[in-house]
Protein backbone atom coordinates (compact mmCIF):
# COMPACT_ATOMS: atom_id res chain seq x y z
CA MET A 1 -35.70 -0.58 169.49
CA ASN A 2 -33.13 -2.76 172.37
CA LYS A 3 -31.77 -0.93 175.54
CA ILE A 4 -28.52 -2.96 174.76
CA GLU A 5 -27.62 -4.32 171.50
CA ILE A 6 -24.62 -5.90 170.82
CA ASN A 7 -23.50 -6.92 167.42
CA ASN A 8 -20.72 -9.20 165.78
CA LEU A 9 -18.80 -7.96 168.78
CA THR A 10 -14.67 -9.26 168.88
CA PHE A 11 -12.55 -7.92 171.35
CA ASN A 12 -8.61 -8.47 171.68
CA TYR A 13 -6.62 -7.61 175.33
CA LYS A 14 -3.41 -5.96 174.09
CA SER A 15 -0.40 -6.58 176.75
CA GLY A 16 2.95 -4.99 175.52
CA LYS A 17 3.64 -6.72 171.85
CA SER A 18 1.45 -9.35 172.77
CA GLU A 19 -2.60 -9.69 172.61
CA TYR A 20 -5.09 -12.95 173.04
CA LEU A 21 -8.91 -13.06 171.76
CA ALA A 22 -11.44 -12.19 175.00
CA LEU A 23 -14.74 -12.18 172.90
CA ASP A 24 -15.07 -13.64 169.56
CA ASP A 25 -18.21 -12.21 167.38
CA ILE A 26 -20.64 -11.43 170.32
CA SER A 27 -23.96 -10.94 169.56
CA LEU A 28 -26.75 -9.89 172.10
CA SER A 29 -29.98 -7.84 172.77
CA VAL A 30 -31.56 -6.37 176.21
CA LYS A 31 -34.71 -4.81 176.02
CA GLN A 32 -35.74 -2.29 178.22
CA GLY A 33 -36.38 -3.55 181.58
CA GLU A 34 -35.21 -6.78 180.89
CA PHE A 35 -32.70 -8.51 183.49
CA VAL A 36 -30.33 -10.62 182.09
CA CYS A 37 -27.84 -12.98 184.05
CA VAL A 38 -24.55 -13.86 182.59
CA ILE A 39 -22.93 -17.12 183.78
CA GLY A 40 -19.88 -19.27 182.72
CA SER A 41 -16.57 -20.67 184.02
CA SER A 42 -14.20 -18.12 184.73
CA GLY A 43 -12.38 -16.30 182.19
CA CYS A 44 -14.88 -16.80 179.73
CA GLY A 45 -15.36 -13.41 178.77
CA LYS A 46 -18.23 -12.52 181.39
CA SER A 47 -16.68 -9.52 183.14
CA THR A 48 -14.76 -8.06 179.68
CA LEU A 49 -18.41 -8.05 178.48
CA ILE A 50 -19.37 -5.91 181.43
CA THR A 51 -16.27 -3.83 181.01
CA LEU A 52 -16.95 -2.73 177.25
CA LEU A 53 -20.75 -2.18 178.01
CA ALA A 54 -19.38 0.47 180.74
CA GLY A 55 -17.66 2.10 178.17
CA LEU A 56 -13.78 1.14 180.14
CA GLN A 57 -12.59 -0.60 177.21
CA THR A 58 -12.44 0.45 173.86
CA GLY A 59 -11.04 -1.09 170.20
CA PHE A 60 -13.41 -3.39 169.85
CA THR A 61 -14.56 -4.38 166.33
CA GLY A 62 -18.61 -4.68 165.77
CA GLU A 63 -21.26 -2.75 167.86
CA ALA A 64 -22.28 -2.28 171.22
CA LEU A 65 -25.15 0.23 171.30
CA ILE A 66 -27.02 1.77 173.96
CA ASP A 67 -30.40 3.41 172.59
CA GLY A 68 -28.98 2.48 169.13
CA VAL A 69 -25.91 4.90 169.51
CA GLN A 70 -22.19 3.03 169.93
CA ILE A 71 -20.79 3.35 173.03
CA THR A 72 -17.36 5.46 173.15
CA GLY A 73 -16.79 5.71 177.13
CA PRO A 74 -18.90 5.99 180.48
CA GLY A 75 -22.23 7.49 180.65
CA THR A 76 -24.68 8.38 183.28
CA GLU A 77 -27.38 6.35 181.84
CA ARG A 78 -25.03 3.11 183.28
CA SER A 79 -24.14 2.58 186.56
CA VAL A 80 -21.57 -0.24 186.93
CA VAL A 81 -21.01 -2.68 190.62
CA PHE A 82 -17.67 -4.27 190.08
CA GLN A 83 -16.55 -7.55 191.58
CA HIS A 84 -14.20 -5.37 194.03
CA TYR A 85 -15.49 -2.34 195.72
CA SER A 86 -14.43 1.12 194.15
CA LEU A 87 -14.55 3.56 197.12
CA PHE A 88 -12.96 6.77 197.70
CA PRO A 89 -10.80 6.01 201.05
CA TRP A 90 -10.80 9.70 202.22
CA MET A 91 -14.47 9.60 201.86
CA SER A 92 -16.97 8.71 204.34
CA THR A 93 -19.66 6.12 203.56
CA LYS A 94 -22.23 8.56 202.79
CA LYS A 95 -20.11 11.11 201.19
CA ASN A 96 -19.20 7.84 198.75
CA ILE A 97 -22.61 7.40 197.80
CA ILE A 98 -23.45 11.64 197.45
CA PHE A 99 -19.98 11.69 195.09
CA GLY A 100 -22.32 9.55 192.72
CA MET A 101 -25.37 11.01 192.88
CA GLU A 102 -23.40 14.27 192.40
CA GLN A 103 -22.18 13.24 188.78
CA VAL A 104 -25.72 13.06 187.76
CA LYS A 105 -26.75 16.45 188.78
CA LYS A 106 -30.49 15.60 189.34
CA TRP A 107 -30.71 16.63 193.25
CA SER A 108 -30.53 19.10 195.63
CA ASN A 109 -27.73 18.84 198.58
CA ALA A 110 -30.68 18.01 200.94
CA GLU A 111 -31.83 15.28 198.39
CA MET A 112 -28.73 13.90 198.14
CA SER A 113 -28.29 13.45 201.87
CA SER A 114 -31.83 12.07 202.26
CA ARG A 115 -30.57 9.50 199.49
CA ALA A 116 -27.62 8.50 200.75
CA ASP A 117 -28.95 7.74 204.12
CA GLU A 118 -32.23 5.92 202.73
CA TYR A 119 -30.04 3.48 200.62
CA LEU A 120 -27.38 3.30 203.63
CA LYS A 121 -30.38 1.84 205.38
CA ARG A 122 -31.69 -0.14 202.85
CA VAL A 123 -28.35 -2.10 202.49
CA GLY A 124 -28.08 -2.75 206.21
CA LEU A 125 -25.36 -0.18 207.40
CA ALA A 126 -27.28 3.14 208.72
CA GLU A 127 -25.28 2.91 211.47
CA TYR A 128 -21.88 3.46 209.53
CA ALA A 129 -22.72 6.59 207.31
CA ASP A 130 -19.79 8.37 208.94
CA LYS A 131 -17.23 5.23 208.73
CA TYR A 132 -14.62 5.58 206.41
CA PRO A 133 -13.66 2.43 204.06
CA LYS A 134 -10.88 1.39 206.09
CA GLU A 135 -13.15 0.78 209.10
CA LEU A 136 -15.50 -1.10 207.41
CA SER A 137 -15.04 -5.06 206.23
CA GLY A 138 -14.81 -6.46 202.37
CA GLY A 139 -18.55 -7.04 202.29
CA MET A 140 -19.62 -3.87 204.01
CA ARG A 141 -17.64 -1.84 201.72
CA GLN A 142 -19.24 -3.93 198.62
CA ARG A 143 -23.02 -3.05 200.08
CA VAL A 144 -21.89 0.59 200.25
CA ALA A 145 -21.12 0.72 196.45
CA ILE A 146 -24.29 -1.01 195.69
CA ALA A 147 -26.04 1.15 198.00
CA ARG A 148 -23.90 4.16 195.54
CA SER A 149 -24.97 2.70 192.72
CA LEU A 150 -28.80 2.25 193.39
CA ALA A 151 -28.79 5.83 194.36
CA VAL A 152 -28.21 7.40 191.21
CA GLU A 153 -31.46 5.75 189.32
CA SER A 154 -29.41 5.13 186.19
CA GLU A 155 -31.42 3.09 183.38
CA ILE A 156 -29.23 0.38 183.22
CA LEU A 157 -27.25 -1.34 186.27
CA LEU A 158 -24.20 -3.29 185.32
CA MET A 159 -22.84 -5.50 187.78
CA ASP A 160 -19.70 -8.11 187.88
CA GLU A 161 -20.39 -10.58 190.65
CA PRO A 162 -21.93 -7.78 192.89
CA PHE A 163 -22.89 -9.98 195.82
CA GLY A 164 -19.34 -12.18 195.84
CA ALA A 165 -17.75 -11.00 199.01
CA ILE A 166 -21.40 -10.82 200.69
CA ASP A 167 -22.03 -13.48 203.45
CA THR A 168 -25.20 -15.58 202.64
CA LYS A 169 -27.80 -13.46 204.85
CA ASN A 170 -26.96 -10.02 203.33
CA ARG A 171 -26.51 -11.85 199.68
CA MET A 172 -30.03 -13.10 200.26
CA ASP A 173 -31.24 -9.63 201.51
CA LEU A 174 -29.38 -7.81 198.81
CA GLN A 175 -30.85 -10.26 195.86
CA GLU A 176 -34.41 -9.48 197.40
CA LEU A 177 -33.60 -5.81 197.24
CA LEU A 178 -32.60 -5.76 193.79
CA LEU A 179 -35.75 -7.94 192.75
CA GLU A 180 -37.98 -5.24 194.78
CA LEU A 181 -36.25 -2.27 193.05
CA CYS A 182 -36.72 -3.83 189.54
CA ALA A 183 -40.22 -5.17 190.12
CA LYS A 184 -41.31 -1.47 191.41
CA GLU A 185 -39.73 0.65 188.32
CA ASN A 186 -41.25 -2.08 185.94
CA LYS A 187 -44.43 -0.89 186.97
CA ASP A 188 -43.67 2.72 187.57
CA LYS A 189 -42.07 3.51 184.64
CA ASN A 190 -40.03 1.52 181.59
CA GLY A 191 -38.05 -0.57 183.98
CA LYS A 192 -34.15 -0.90 184.93
CA THR A 193 -32.55 -2.64 182.33
CA VAL A 194 -29.68 -5.29 184.18
CA VAL A 195 -26.76 -6.84 183.09
CA PHE A 196 -25.72 -9.11 185.96
CA VAL A 197 -22.66 -10.94 185.86
CA THR A 198 -22.40 -14.09 188.50
CA HIS A 199 -20.95 -17.43 189.03
CA ASP A 200 -24.14 -18.58 191.26
CA ILE A 201 -26.63 -20.70 189.30
CA ASP A 202 -29.34 -20.52 192.27
CA GLU A 203 -28.70 -16.66 191.92
CA ALA A 204 -28.77 -16.41 188.20
CA ILE A 205 -32.47 -18.21 188.25
CA LEU A 206 -33.77 -16.42 191.05
CA LEU A 207 -32.84 -13.06 189.29
CA ALA A 208 -32.97 -13.06 185.95
CA ASP A 209 -35.88 -12.81 182.93
CA ARG A 210 -33.25 -14.75 180.69
CA ILE A 211 -29.90 -16.32 181.38
CA ILE A 212 -26.89 -16.12 178.92
CA PHE A 213 -24.49 -18.81 179.27
CA MET A 214 -20.69 -18.33 177.89
CA GLU A 215 -18.03 -20.71 177.19
CA PRO A 216 -14.74 -19.19 176.72
CA LYS A 217 -15.18 -16.04 174.18
CA ARG A 218 -18.69 -16.54 172.83
CA ILE A 219 -22.62 -17.07 173.85
CA LYS A 220 -23.22 -20.87 174.02
CA GLU A 221 -26.71 -20.86 175.01
CA GLU A 222 -29.43 -18.39 175.90
CA ILE A 223 -32.31 -19.29 178.26
CA ALA A 224 -35.55 -17.80 179.21
CA VAL A 225 -36.32 -17.43 182.99
CA PRO A 226 -40.36 -18.20 183.24
CA PHE A 227 -40.93 -16.24 186.96
CA GLY A 228 -42.44 -12.68 186.65
CA LYS A 229 -41.12 -9.48 188.07
CA ASP A 230 -42.77 -10.01 191.14
CA ARG A 231 -41.42 -13.44 191.88
CA LYS A 232 -40.86 -14.54 195.64
CA ARG A 233 -37.62 -16.44 196.57
CA LYS A 234 -39.92 -19.44 198.49
CA GLU A 235 -42.10 -19.88 195.23
CA VAL A 236 -39.41 -20.01 192.86
CA VAL A 237 -37.24 -22.43 194.71
CA ALA A 238 -39.93 -24.95 195.32
CA SER A 239 -41.39 -24.74 191.40
CA GLU A 240 -40.52 -27.92 189.19
CA GLU A 241 -39.16 -25.02 186.42
CA TYR A 242 -36.69 -24.03 188.61
CA SER A 243 -35.36 -27.56 189.08
CA VAL A 244 -35.59 -28.26 185.80
CA LEU A 245 -33.30 -25.07 184.96
CA ARG A 246 -30.87 -25.67 187.50
CA ARG A 247 -30.31 -29.63 186.20
CA LYS A 248 -30.04 -27.92 182.79
CA LEU A 249 -27.48 -25.04 183.71
CA VAL A 250 -25.31 -27.75 185.58
CA SER A 251 -25.07 -29.63 182.60
CA LEU A 252 -23.88 -27.09 180.37
CA PHE A 253 -21.35 -26.42 183.11
CA TYR A 254 -20.29 -30.32 183.36
CA ALA A 255 -20.38 -30.27 179.47
CA GLU A 256 -17.84 -27.53 179.53
CA LEU A 257 -15.52 -29.14 181.84
CA SER A 258 -16.04 -32.61 180.18
CA SER A 259 -14.53 -31.15 176.68
CA LYS A 260 -11.64 -29.76 178.23
CA VAL A 261 -10.52 -32.92 180.11
CA GLY A 262 -11.73 -34.60 177.09
CA GLY A 263 -14.64 -36.91 179.13
CA GLU A 264 -18.02 -37.26 178.01
CA GLU A 265 -21.03 -34.70 178.57
CA VAL A 266 -22.88 -35.40 181.83
CA VAL A 267 -26.57 -35.24 181.74
CA LEU A 268 -28.28 -34.79 185.07
């Protein structure tokens, strides 16, 4: 059984008396332990898809299933990191991370405190445990939100441009952390299932087992990524497979742009 199953899903955003089509007859399967990146231009429906999988939007037609059960709302088996950090301003960074673990009810107070310290260290913020969100930069706040999501050990990670506001060095470090986490869990258990939205072609190739390219409202193409779970950045970037994939994704973006302006498809 697939971990995530979407069948003929259609969703309309409603605003007052008007509405518009956001997703049109989407079908997608994600296996247990698979890392799927969703990529496409702004407004194509990537974030809407994450919101529906998180259970934060309802009213769609078709099926959106987790372990064969229809999604009707949020669940502790899923953790979400959005484009913009979502921290409680009255809590310290450490308490924000502990709050996430409290919802799972899996660890003692001492264990939660220790795990919070561990994950703050892993995202490079150990010395900021007692700081409040207003005392952190935007990128630092997002790293706290990522630490909170990782610390709860949910079966499914739903990530919507989680590294978009983070500087290049920390972005690369967090990409490595995510690769390490998924590789480790894939060996220890059945593996963590990740759906990761990004605009970044290189990030998608580095992280994904499979890339879903979306055009507005629909899935245009699914592309397998031929690198193992224990992949290394230098080896990936130096490979011919990486170059081929990158050219293909760039061509897909250019083809969509051409269709909007009435030009011809660019083949690289």
